[in-house]
Structures are given as C-alpha cells and as structure tokens.
Amino acid sequence: MISFLVILSTLVNVFNFPFYGNDNHAMYISVVEIEKAVSDNNGFIRVKVFTSDLEDAIFNFSQQRIDLSGGNCKPNAALINDYFEAHLGIKISDEFIKYSLASCEENDLSIWLNFNFISNANWKTVEVKADYLMELFPTQSNIVNIKYEGVIRMFRLTKESPKEIALFSN
C-alpha cells in the first residue's frame, strides 16, 4: 500500500512539471478524489485534469469551445456538469449520486474541479465509472482515490477497464 501511495504521489506531481507547449504532454492522466464529510451527509469530488484536454473534450462533446484559463469555470458550469455527468458515474451502495460543480482552481497547466453531492447511504460499496477524456486519448488513465470514515481505496481506470467497485466493511 505504501508503494502505491508513493507512485500515486509521483503521478500527481507530474501535473506540476513544466511541459513544452500547452497542448503536448507525455502522459494522459487525471486524479479523482471522492470523500464524504465525517460530520454530515455532504460529499466532495475533486477532479484534476489538464485544462486544454478538458477544453478539447467539452468541444468534442458539445461542439462549444470554452476557455478555462484562470480557473474560469462558472460561466461554463452547465457544460462541465453535462460532460462529467456523461463520463463520471458514481454509485454509492446501489444509489447513483447526483453532483454539481461548486468551483475550480487553476494549477499551472491543469485544473482542479470541485463538485458537491449529498449521500445519506452507508457506503458499503462505491462503484466508479470514469471514462472522461478517454474518447480523445486512448492511453488516458484516471486514478481514483475514495476516502470514507478513515478508510482509503485507490484504483486506476483505463479505456479497457473504465469501471471499478470499492468495498467498505461497515
């Protein structure tokens, strides 16, 4: 488990490398973090992607060009929500959750998208389908990190295997 955390940390730090040119990068990887607040039923999803990749994916999805430079996601919230609704499905204990974009933060060439949801369920299983960006980049990998009541589950999703189920014992 420790070695996986070291690898994950290294992959996350890849986003901070200076790449040559805004549209070219050697790796197609993103991070998804899913967490439920300890004190209430509020849940949080954070997605980190290369900004230009997300802009291209939304254009491919909607035929509408958006500009997310400077973390400018509010005017594009509906398109971002629609895209992720089609490409990021999360089912908690047999109930699909509905989430919405709350904010975003620019981070060099990447962007963190912050979504909120409410879950009253006891998290026995969390099923995640994350095939976003895979329609553009066949080698895209999405690293998923789920945290619930102090337990962490992690896995990697690819075009060949875009769905995984995390088990939590309660």
C-alpha atoms as a PDB file:
ATOM      1  CA  MET A   1       0.000   0.000   0.000  1.00  0.00           C
ATOM      2  CA  ILE A   2       2.836   2.403   0.836  1.00  0.00           C
ATOM      3  CA  SER A   3       4.486   1.867  -2.566  1.00  0.00           C
ATOM      4  CA  PHE A   4       1.168   2.566  -4.305  1.00  0.00           C
ATOM      5  CA  LEU A   5       0.875   5.836  -2.370  1.00  0.00           C
ATOM      6  CA  VAL A   6       4.413   6.802  -3.438  1.00  0.00           C
ATOM      7  CA  ILE A   7       3.560   6.042  -7.077  1.00  0.00           C
ATOM      8  CA  LEU A   8       0.283   7.980  -6.824  1.00  0.00           C
ATOM      9  CA  SER A   9       2.057  10.947  -5.252  1.00  0.00           C
ATOM     10  CA  THR A  10       4.636  10.890  -8.043  1.00  0.00           C
ATOM     11  CA  LEU A  11       1.920  10.776 -10.700  1.00  0.00           C
ATOM     12  CA  VAL A  12       0.056  13.679  -9.106  1.00  0.00           C
ATOM     13  CA  ASN A  13       3.255  15.713  -9.086  1.00  0.00           C
ATOM     14  CA  VAL A  14       3.642  15.107 -12.819  1.00  0.00           C
ATOM     15  CA  PHE A  15       0.998  17.794 -13.285  1.00  0.00           C
ATOM     16  CA  ASN A  16       3.429  20.368 -11.925  1.00  0.00           C
ATOM     17  CA  PHE A  17       6.259  19.571 -14.368  1.00  0.00           C
ATOM     18  CA  PRO A  18       6.924  22.297 -16.910  1.00  0.00           C
ATOM     19  CA  PHE A  19       5.849  20.830 -20.250  1.00  0.00           C
ATOM     20  CA  TYR A  20       6.898  22.217 -23.601  1.00  0.00           C
ATOM     21  CA  GLY A  21       3.838  23.747 -25.214  1.00  0.00           C
ATOM     22  CA  ASN A  22       0.364  23.887 -23.738  1.00  0.00           C
ATOM     23  CA  ASP A  23      -1.191  21.083 -25.788  1.00  0.00           C
ATOM     24  CA  ASN A  24       1.545  18.462 -25.743  1.00  0.00           C
ATOM     25  CA  HIS A  25       2.303  16.295 -22.788  1.00  0.00           C
ATOM     26  CA  ALA A  26       3.725  12.831 -22.487  1.00  0.00           C
ATOM     27  CA  MET A  27       1.187  11.369 -20.067  1.00  0.00           C
ATOM     28  CA  TYR A  28      -2.594  11.323 -20.137  1.00  0.00           C
ATOM     29  CA  ILE A  29      -3.576  11.012 -16.511  1.00  0.00           C
ATOM     30  CA  SER A  30      -6.033  12.561 -14.116  1.00  0.00           C
ATOM     31  CA  VAL A  31      -6.917  12.223 -10.468  1.00  0.00           C
ATOM     32  CA  VAL A  32     -10.379  11.778  -8.938  1.00  0.00           C
ATOM     33  CA  GLU A  33     -10.839  12.151  -5.190  1.00  0.00           C
ATOM     34  CA  ILE A  34     -14.173  11.148  -3.625  1.00  0.00           C
ATOM     35  CA  GLU A  35     -14.787  11.820   0.056  1.00  0.00           C
ATOM     36  CA  LYS A  36     -17.684  12.023   2.474  1.00  0.00           C
ATOM     37  CA  ALA A  37     -17.549  14.527   5.302  1.00  0.00           C
ATOM     38  CA  VAL A  38     -17.316  12.862   8.703  1.00  0.00           C
ATOM     39  CA  SER A  39     -19.871  15.097  10.416  1.00  0.00           C
ATOM     40  CA  ASP A  40     -22.735  15.116   7.899  1.00  0.00           C
ATOM     41  CA  ASN A  41     -24.009  13.722   4.589  1.00  0.00           C
ATOM     42  CA  ASN A  42     -22.070  16.128   2.377  1.00  0.00           C
ATOM     43  CA  GLY A  43     -19.717  14.578  -0.137  1.00  0.00           C
ATOM     44  CA  PHE A  44     -16.973  16.042  -2.254  1.00  0.00           C
ATOM     45  CA  ILE A  45     -15.466  15.077  -5.583  1.00  0.00           C
ATOM     46  CA  ARG A  46     -12.271  16.678  -6.845  1.00  0.00           C
ATOM     47  CA  VAL A  47     -11.069  16.040 -10.386  1.00  0.00           C
ATOM     48  CA  LYS A  48      -7.666  17.191 -11.615  1.00  0.00           C
ATOM     49  CA  VAL A  49      -7.155  17.284 -15.398  1.00  0.00           C
ATOM     50  CA  PHE A  50      -5.048  19.126 -17.912  1.00  0.00           C
ATOM     51  CA  THR A  51      -7.008  22.262 -18.765  1.00  0.00           C
ATOM     52  CA  SER A  52      -6.516  22.066 -22.532  1.00  0.00           C
ATOM     53  CA  ASP A  53      -7.565  18.389 -22.545  1.00  0.00           C
ATOM     54  CA  LEU A  54     -10.831  19.227 -20.776  1.00  0.00           C
ATOM     55  CA  GLU A  55     -11.500  22.145 -23.132  1.00  0.00           C
ATOM     56  CA  ASP A  56     -10.974  19.807 -26.115  1.00  0.00           C
ATOM     57  CA  ALA A  57     -13.161  17.075 -24.606  1.00  0.00           C
ATOM     58  CA  ILE A  58     -16.018  19.500 -23.955  1.00  0.00           C
ATOM     59  CA  PHE A  59     -15.727  20.829 -27.508  1.00  0.00           C
ATOM     60  CA  ASN A  60     -15.854  17.254 -28.832  1.00  0.00           C
ATOM     61  CA  PHE A  61     -18.869  16.567 -26.569  1.00  0.00           C
ATOM     62  CA  SER A  62     -20.879  19.744 -27.212  1.00  0.00           C
ATOM     63  CA  GLN A  63     -19.345  21.479 -30.247  1.00  0.00           C
ATOM     64  CA  GLN A  64     -18.942  24.534 -27.987  1.00  0.00           C
ATOM     65  CA  ARG A  65     -15.481  25.968 -27.396  1.00  0.00           C
ATOM     66  CA  ILE A  66     -14.808  27.039 -23.803  1.00  0.00           C
ATOM     67  CA  ASP A  67     -11.881  28.806 -22.141  1.00  0.00           C
ATOM     68  CA  LEU A  68     -10.981  27.680 -18.633  1.00  0.00           C
ATOM     69  CA  SER A  69      -7.822  29.764 -18.321  1.00  0.00           C
ATOM     70  CA  GLY A  70      -7.560  31.490 -14.992  1.00  0.00           C
ATOM     71  CA  GLY A  71      -9.868  28.917 -13.408  1.00  0.00           C
ATOM     72  CA  ASN A  72     -12.831  30.450 -15.229  1.00  0.00           C
ATOM     73  CA  CYS A  73     -15.371  27.658 -14.820  1.00  0.00           C
ATOM     74  CA  LYS A  74     -18.504  29.434 -13.539  1.00  0.00           C
ATOM     75  CA  PRO A  75     -19.713  30.597 -16.998  1.00  0.00           C
ATOM     76  CA  ASN A  76     -19.109  27.045 -18.246  1.00  0.00           C
ATOM     77  CA  ALA A  77     -20.544  25.158 -15.263  1.00  0.00           C
ATOM     78  CA  ALA A  78     -23.505  23.695 -17.179  1.00  0.00           C
ATOM     79  CA  LEU A  79     -21.270  22.294 -19.945  1.00  0.00           C
ATOM     80  CA  ILE A  80     -18.776  20.918 -17.427  1.00  0.00           C
ATOM     81  CA  ASN A  81     -21.593  19.287 -15.409  1.00  0.00           C
ATOM     82  CA  ASP A  82     -23.126  17.793 -18.580  1.00  0.00           C
ATOM     83  CA  TYR A  83     -19.784  16.390 -19.735  1.00  0.00           C
ATOM     84  CA  PHE A  84     -18.936  14.800 -16.395  1.00  0.00           C
ATOM     85  CA  GLU A  85     -22.479  13.510 -15.933  1.00  0.00           C
ATOM     86  CA  ALA A  86     -21.925  11.550 -19.163  1.00  0.00           C
ATOM     87  CA  HIS A  87     -18.408  10.376 -18.246  1.00  0.00           C
ATOM     88  CA  LEU A  88     -18.157  10.117 -14.439  1.00  0.00           C
ATOM     89  CA  GLY A  89     -20.745   7.899 -12.819  1.00  0.00           C
ATOM     90  CA  ILE A  90     -20.638   7.184  -9.100  1.00  0.00           C
ATOM     91  CA  LYS A  91     -22.942   4.712  -7.397  1.00  0.00           C
ATOM     92  CA  ILE A  92     -22.838   4.508  -3.611  1.00  0.00           C
ATOM     93  CA  SER A  93     -24.465   1.392  -2.142  1.00  0.00           C
ATOM     94  CA  ASP A  94     -26.673   0.894  -5.245  1.00  0.00           C
ATOM     95  CA  GLU A  95     -27.694   4.570  -5.472  1.00  0.00           C
ATOM     96  CA  PHE A  96     -26.326   6.814  -8.251  1.00  0.00           C
ATOM     97  CA  ILE A  97     -25.336  10.163  -6.829  1.00  0.00           C
ATOM     98  CA  LYS A  98     -26.097  13.498  -8.426  1.00  0.00           C
ATOM     99  CA  TYR A  99     -23.281  16.001  -8.073  1.00  0.00           C
ATOM    100  CA  SER A 100     -22.763  19.573  -9.212  1.00  0.00           C
ATOM    101  CA  LEU A 101     -19.768  21.772  -9.895  1.00  0.00           C
ATOM    102  CA  ALA A 102     -19.025  24.054  -6.948  1.00  0.00           C
ATOM    103  CA  SER A 103     -15.732  25.668  -8.014  1.00  0.00           C
ATOM    104  CA  CYS A 104     -12.470  25.172  -9.819  1.00  0.00           C
ATOM    105  CA  GLU A 105      -8.864  26.150  -9.275  1.00  0.00           C
ATOM    106  CA  GLU A 106      -6.178  26.648 -11.902  1.00  0.00           C
ATOM    107  CA  ASN A 107      -2.929  24.840 -11.185  1.00  0.00           C
ATOM    108  CA  ASP A 108      -0.332  25.647 -13.862  1.00  0.00           C
ATOM    109  CA  LEU A 109      -1.419  23.579 -16.908  1.00  0.00           C
ATOM    110  CA  SER A 110      -4.078  21.682 -15.001  1.00  0.00           C
ATOM    111  CA  ILE A 111      -7.320  22.498 -13.254  1.00  0.00           C
ATOM    112  CA  TRP A 112      -8.988  21.118 -10.111  1.00  0.00           C
ATOM    113  CA  LEU A 113     -12.762  20.813 -10.484  1.00  0.00           C
ATOM    114  CA  ASN A 114     -14.640  20.666  -7.171  1.00  0.00           C
ATOM    115  CA  PHE A 115     -18.067  19.005  -7.117  1.00  0.00           C
ATOM    116  CA  ASN A 116     -20.505  18.581  -4.207  1.00  0.00           C
ATOM    117  CA  PHE A 117     -23.077  15.867  -3.528  1.00  0.00           C
ATOM    118  CA  ILE A 118     -25.240  14.566  -0.703  1.00  0.00           C
ATOM    119  CA  SER A 119     -25.225  10.910   0.320  1.00  0.00           C
ATOM    120  CA  ASN A 120     -27.393   9.509   3.077  1.00  0.00           C
ATOM    121  CA  ALA A 121     -26.232   5.975   2.316  1.00  0.00           C
ATOM    122  CA  ASN A 122     -23.955   3.822   4.395  1.00  0.00           C
ATOM    123  CA  TRP A 123     -21.048   3.303   1.984  1.00  0.00           C
ATOM    124  CA  LYS A 124     -20.802  -0.480   1.663  1.00  0.00           C
ATOM    125  CA  THR A 125     -19.779  -0.232  -1.994  1.00  0.00           C
ATOM    126  CA  VAL A 126     -18.715   2.638  -4.208  1.00  0.00           C
ATOM    127  CA  GLU A 127     -18.810   1.942  -7.926  1.00  0.00           C
ATOM    128  CA  VAL A 128     -16.991   4.425 -10.136  1.00  0.00           C
ATOM    129  CA  LYS A 129     -17.089   4.665 -13.910  1.00  0.00           C
ATOM    130  CA  ALA A 130     -14.645   7.327 -15.064  1.00  0.00           C
ATOM    131  CA  ASP A 131     -14.133   7.303 -18.825  1.00  0.00           C
ATOM    132  CA  TYR A 132     -13.747  11.060 -19.295  1.00  0.00           C
ATOM    133  CA  LEU A 133     -11.046  12.134 -21.764  1.00  0.00           C
ATOM    134  CA  MET A 134     -10.757   8.524 -22.991  1.00  0.00           C
ATOM    135  CA  GLU A 135     -12.756   9.377 -26.115  1.00  0.00           C
ATOM    136  CA  LEU A 136      -9.856  11.666 -27.117  1.00  0.00           C
ATOM    137  CA  PHE A 137      -6.869   9.889 -25.586  1.00  0.00           C
ATOM    138  CA  PRO A 138      -6.866   6.059 -25.710  1.00  0.00           C
ATOM    139  CA  THR A 139      -3.988   5.903 -23.198  1.00  0.00           C
ATOM    140  CA  GLN A 140      -5.798   8.100 -20.650  1.00  0.00           C
ATOM    141  CA  SER A 141      -5.635   6.797 -17.056  1.00  0.00           C
ATOM    142  CA  ASN A 142      -7.842   8.103 -14.270  1.00  0.00           C
ATOM    143  CA  ILE A 143      -6.549   7.455 -10.762  1.00  0.00           C
ATOM    144  CA  VAL A 144      -9.424   7.215  -8.264  1.00  0.00           C
ATOM    145  CA  ASN A 145      -8.992   7.806  -4.536  1.00  0.00           C
ATOM    146  CA  ILE A 146     -12.036   7.198  -2.288  1.00  0.00           C
ATOM    147  CA  LYS A 147     -11.984   8.141   1.397  1.00  0.00           C
ATOM    148  CA  TYR A 148     -14.792   7.092   3.704  1.00  0.00           C
ATOM    149  CA  GLU A 149     -14.658   7.028   7.517  1.00  0.00           C
ATOM    150  CA  GLY A 150     -10.864   6.919   7.529  1.00  0.00           C
ATOM    151  CA  VAL A 151     -10.626   4.064   5.002  1.00  0.00           C
ATOM    152  CA  ILE A 152      -8.996   4.771   1.660  1.00  0.00           C
ATOM    153  CA  ARG A 153      -9.488   2.787  -1.542  1.00  0.00           C
ATOM    154  CA  MET A 154      -7.499   3.546  -4.711  1.00  0.00           C
ATOM    155  CA  PHE A 155      -7.523   2.193  -8.236  1.00  0.00           C
ATOM    156  CA  ARG A 156      -6.631   3.083 -11.809  1.00  0.00           C
ATOM    157  CA  LEU A 157      -9.208   3.210 -14.591  1.00  0.00           C
ATOM    158  CA  THR A 158      -8.356   2.910 -18.284  1.00  0.00           C
ATOM    159  CA  LYS A 159     -10.216   2.676 -21.581  1.00  0.00           C
ATOM    160  CA  GLU A 160     -10.058  -1.120 -21.325  1.00  0.00           C
ATOM    161  CA  SER A 161     -11.266  -1.061 -17.723  1.00  0.00           C
ATOM    162  CA  PRO A 162     -13.208   2.173 -17.032  1.00  0.00           C
ATOM    163  CA  LYS A 163     -15.198   0.899 -14.036  1.00  0.00           C
ATOM    164  CA  GLU A 164     -14.296  -0.425 -10.581  1.00  0.00           C
ATOM    165  CA  ILE A 165     -16.084  -1.190  -7.319  1.00  0.00           C
ATOM    166  CA  ALA A 166     -14.551  -0.337  -3.947  1.00  0.00           C
ATOM    167  CA  LEU A 167     -15.750  -2.322  -0.956  1.00  0.00           C
ATOM    168  CA  PHE A 168     -16.091  -0.859   2.525  1.00  0.00           C
ATOM    169  CA  SER A 169     -16.981  -3.015   5.517  1.00  0.00           C
ATOM    170  CA  ASN A 170     -19.463  -1.384   7.886  1.00  0.00           C
END
